[in-house]
Protein backbone atom coordinates (compact mmCIF):
# COMPACT_ATOMS: atom_id res chain seq x y z
CA MET A 1 41.92 249.39 64.87
CA LYS A 2 42.79 250.16 61.30
CA ARG A 3 40.26 248.78 58.86
CA GLY A 4 40.26 248.39 55.20
CA LEU A 5 37.57 247.61 52.58
CA ILE A 6 37.92 245.11 49.79
CA VAL A 7 35.53 246.08 47.04
CA PHE A 8 35.03 243.35 44.29
CA ALA A 9 33.44 244.46 41.09
CA PHE A 10 30.49 242.48 39.64
CA GLY A 11 30.67 242.84 35.95
CA ALA A 12 32.23 245.49 33.94
CA PRO A 13 32.52 248.46 33.12
CA GLY A 14 32.44 250.39 36.38
CA ASN A 15 29.17 252.37 35.55
CA LEU A 16 27.09 249.27 35.65
CA GLU A 17 24.24 249.44 38.23
CA SER A 18 25.73 246.63 40.20
CA ASN A 19 29.19 248.43 40.49
CA GLN A 20 27.44 251.78 41.28
CA ILE A 21 25.71 250.12 44.24
CA LEU A 22 28.98 248.58 45.50
CA LYS A 23 30.59 251.98 45.07
CA SER A 24 27.84 253.58 47.17
CA ILE A 25 28.12 251.07 49.92
CA ALA A 26 31.76 251.53 50.04
CA LEU A 27 31.57 255.26 50.12
CA ALA A 28 28.97 255.03 52.95
CA PHE A 29 31.39 252.88 55.13
CA VAL A 30 34.19 255.22 54.48
CA GLU A 31 32.03 258.18 55.67
CA GLN A 32 30.86 256.19 58.61
CA TYR A 33 34.03 254.88 60.00
CA ALA A 34 37.17 256.97 60.64
CA SER A 35 39.10 253.83 61.12
CA ILE A 36 38.86 252.81 57.47
CA THR A 37 42.20 253.95 55.95
CA GLN A 38 42.51 251.67 52.98
CA ILE A 39 40.40 250.55 50.02
CA TYR A 40 41.54 247.73 47.74
CA THR A 41 39.50 247.22 44.57
CA GLN A 42 39.82 246.62 40.73
CA GLU A 43 39.23 249.09 37.90
CA ALA A 44 35.86 247.57 37.04
CA SER A 45 34.51 248.72 40.44
CA GLY A 46 34.14 252.26 39.15
CA ILE A 47 35.85 253.51 42.16
CA VAL A 48 38.36 256.08 41.38
CA THR A 49 40.51 258.47 43.32
CA LYS A 50 38.36 261.44 42.83
CA ASP A 51 35.67 259.77 44.69
CA PHE A 52 37.65 260.18 47.82
CA GLU A 53 39.21 263.71 47.41
CA SER A 54 36.28 265.44 49.37
CA ILE A 55 36.22 262.66 51.84
CA ASN A 56 40.00 262.94 52.47
CA TYR A 57 39.64 266.67 52.87
CA ALA A 58 36.79 266.30 55.37
CA LYS A 59 38.97 263.80 57.37
CA ARG A 60 41.88 266.03 57.44
CA HIS A 61 39.98 268.99 58.66
CA THR A 62 37.68 267.40 61.20
CA ASN A 63 38.43 266.81 64.95
CA GLY A 64 42.20 267.11 64.22
CA GLN A 65 42.35 263.77 62.20
CA ASN A 66 45.04 263.81 59.78
CA LYS A 67 44.33 260.38 58.22
CA GLU A 68 44.41 259.88 54.44
CA LEU A 69 42.23 257.30 52.83
CA ILE A 70 44.48 255.22 50.44
CA LEU A 71 42.92 253.63 47.31
CA SER A 72 44.74 250.73 45.78
CA ILE A 73 43.55 249.34 42.39
CA ILE A 74 44.79 246.00 41.20
CA ALA A 75 46.23 246.16 37.67
CA GLN A 76 44.78 244.06 34.89
CA SER A 77 46.59 243.19 31.78
CA ASN A 78 43.73 244.39 29.52
CA ALA A 79 40.09 245.23 29.65
CA ASN A 80 38.89 241.72 28.99
CA ASN A 81 41.16 240.07 31.41
CA HIS A 82 39.63 240.68 34.81
CA PRO A 83 41.73 239.00 37.72
CA PRO A 84 40.13 236.12 39.56
CA THR A 85 38.66 236.71 42.90
CA LEU A 86 41.28 234.67 44.77
CA ARG A 87 43.97 236.83 43.10
CA ILE A 88 42.29 239.95 44.06
CA ALA A 89 41.82 238.66 47.66
CA ARG A 90 45.61 237.64 48.03
CA TRP A 91 46.74 240.98 46.54
CA ALA A 92 44.45 242.87 48.94
CA VAL A 93 45.42 240.86 51.99
CA GLU A 94 49.09 241.39 51.03
CA LYS A 95 48.49 245.12 50.80
CA ALA A 96 46.53 245.25 53.90
CA VAL A 97 49.41 243.27 55.90
CA GLN A 98 51.85 245.83 54.57
CA ALA A 99 49.68 248.81 55.60
CA GLY A 100 48.90 247.33 59.23
CA VAL A 101 45.16 246.91 58.62
CA GLU A 102 43.60 244.74 61.23
CA HIS A 103 40.21 244.22 59.90
CA LEU A 104 38.89 243.81 56.31
CA ILE A 105 35.35 244.45 55.34
CA VAL A 106 34.29 242.60 52.15
CA ILE A 107 31.99 244.41 49.76
CA ALA A 108 30.72 242.33 46.86
CA ALA A 109 27.51 241.63 45.05
CA ALA A 110 25.28 239.25 47.05
CA PRO A 111 25.67 236.34 44.52
CA HIS A 112 29.54 236.85 44.66
CA LEU A 113 29.74 237.51 48.38
CA SER A 114 30.23 233.91 49.76
CA ARG A 115 33.08 233.30 47.35
CA CYS A 116 34.89 236.61 47.98
CA LEU A 117 34.54 236.11 51.70
CA ARG A 118 35.85 232.57 51.43
CA ASP A 119 38.79 233.70 49.22
CA VAL A 120 39.66 236.62 51.54
CA ARG A 121 39.67 234.21 54.53
CA TYR A 122 41.84 231.86 52.57
CA ALA A 123 44.33 234.56 51.96
CA LEU A 124 44.30 235.59 55.45
CA LYS A 125 45.18 231.88 56.45
CA GLU A 126 47.89 231.98 54.05
CA HIS A 127 49.37 234.87 56.01
CA LYS A 128 48.57 233.03 59.22
CA LEU A 129 46.14 235.62 60.39
CA ASP A 130 42.83 235.11 62.00
CA VAL A 131 39.99 234.64 59.44
CA ALA A 132 37.61 236.51 61.80
CA ALA A 133 39.69 239.55 60.56
CA ALA A 134 37.37 239.62 57.52
CA THR A 135 33.53 240.32 57.60
CA GLU A 136 30.99 241.07 55.02
CA ALA A 137 29.17 244.42 54.49
CA GLN A 138 25.57 243.66 55.55
CA PRO A 139 23.75 246.17 53.41
CA ILE A 140 24.64 243.94 50.42
CA LEU A 141 22.13 241.47 51.50
CA ASP A 142 19.36 244.09 51.36
CA ILE A 143 19.69 244.77 47.61
CA PRO A 144 17.17 242.85 45.30
CA ASN A 145 18.86 240.04 43.45
CA ASP A 146 17.85 241.29 40.11
CA MET A 147 19.78 244.53 40.50
CA TRP A 148 23.08 242.71 40.35
CA TYR A 149 22.83 241.34 36.79
CA SER A 150 23.12 243.46 33.51
CA VAL A 151 22.76 242.24 30.02
CA ILE A 152 25.21 245.00 29.01
CA SER A 153 28.01 243.72 31.16
CA ASP A 154 31.38 243.07 29.52
CA GLN A 155 31.56 239.85 31.53
CA PRO A 156 28.94 237.39 30.08
CA ARG A 157 28.77 235.51 33.50
CA THR A 158 27.29 238.58 35.18
CA ARG A 159 24.53 239.14 32.67
CA SER A 160 21.99 236.81 34.24
CA PRO A 161 21.55 234.54 37.31
CA PHE A 162 21.53 231.46 35.07
CA GLN A 163 25.00 232.54 33.51
CA TRP A 164 26.32 233.35 36.86
CA TRP A 165 25.27 230.17 38.82
CA SER A 166 26.06 227.84 35.79
CA ARG A 167 29.70 228.74 36.67
CA GLU A 168 29.67 229.70 40.23
CA TRP A 169 28.49 226.52 41.70
CA MET A 170 31.38 224.72 40.31
CA LEU A 171 33.76 227.25 41.86
CA LEU A 172 32.15 227.01 45.34
CA ALA A 173 32.12 223.09 45.02
CA MET A 174 35.61 222.81 44.08
CA PRO A 175 38.05 221.70 46.74
CA MET A 176 40.03 224.66 47.95
CA TRP A 177 43.35 223.25 47.14
CA LEU A 178 42.40 222.78 43.46
CA TYR A 179 40.52 226.13 43.37
CA ALA A 180 43.77 227.85 44.63
CA LYS A 181 45.69 226.23 41.72
CA VAL A 182 43.20 227.14 39.07
CA ALA A 183 42.27 230.77 40.24
CA GLY A 184 45.41 231.73 42.02
């Protein structure tokens, strides 16, 4: 079964502690599962091609495996215009379908995880695919909540739990048809 990772950044830039945690979890999954062939993410996640050069080398030269890990990064129009979660989910699912990926593992900060998973499952439904094809990465839930937020984030909403939840609760409560119009 071909697997892919969708890594959602939490704040920006990529060197924030939250994004470095997400990057570490993604790298651990890639090293653990040979079936992961695709990673879909955004620039703010801090994941870059050089992170995978050594992993690709190891995969090519171990047990006769000749699989390359492909990293796809969604474009953003400028540094302050981060794409909405649903747009990233739709883009990643589209790329996964094209690549023949059968299972997606969602890696996102704990405060962001439920919406990310919901949006990926919505995008899977739009492609008439089984929503069970998306699962969350369990290690996320073991990270202390205060480690996700940073006062130096370029995104004000990820600087504190108050700033995050004052916006997030509305997005989670919004009917999906309306959310899809607003965030899509």
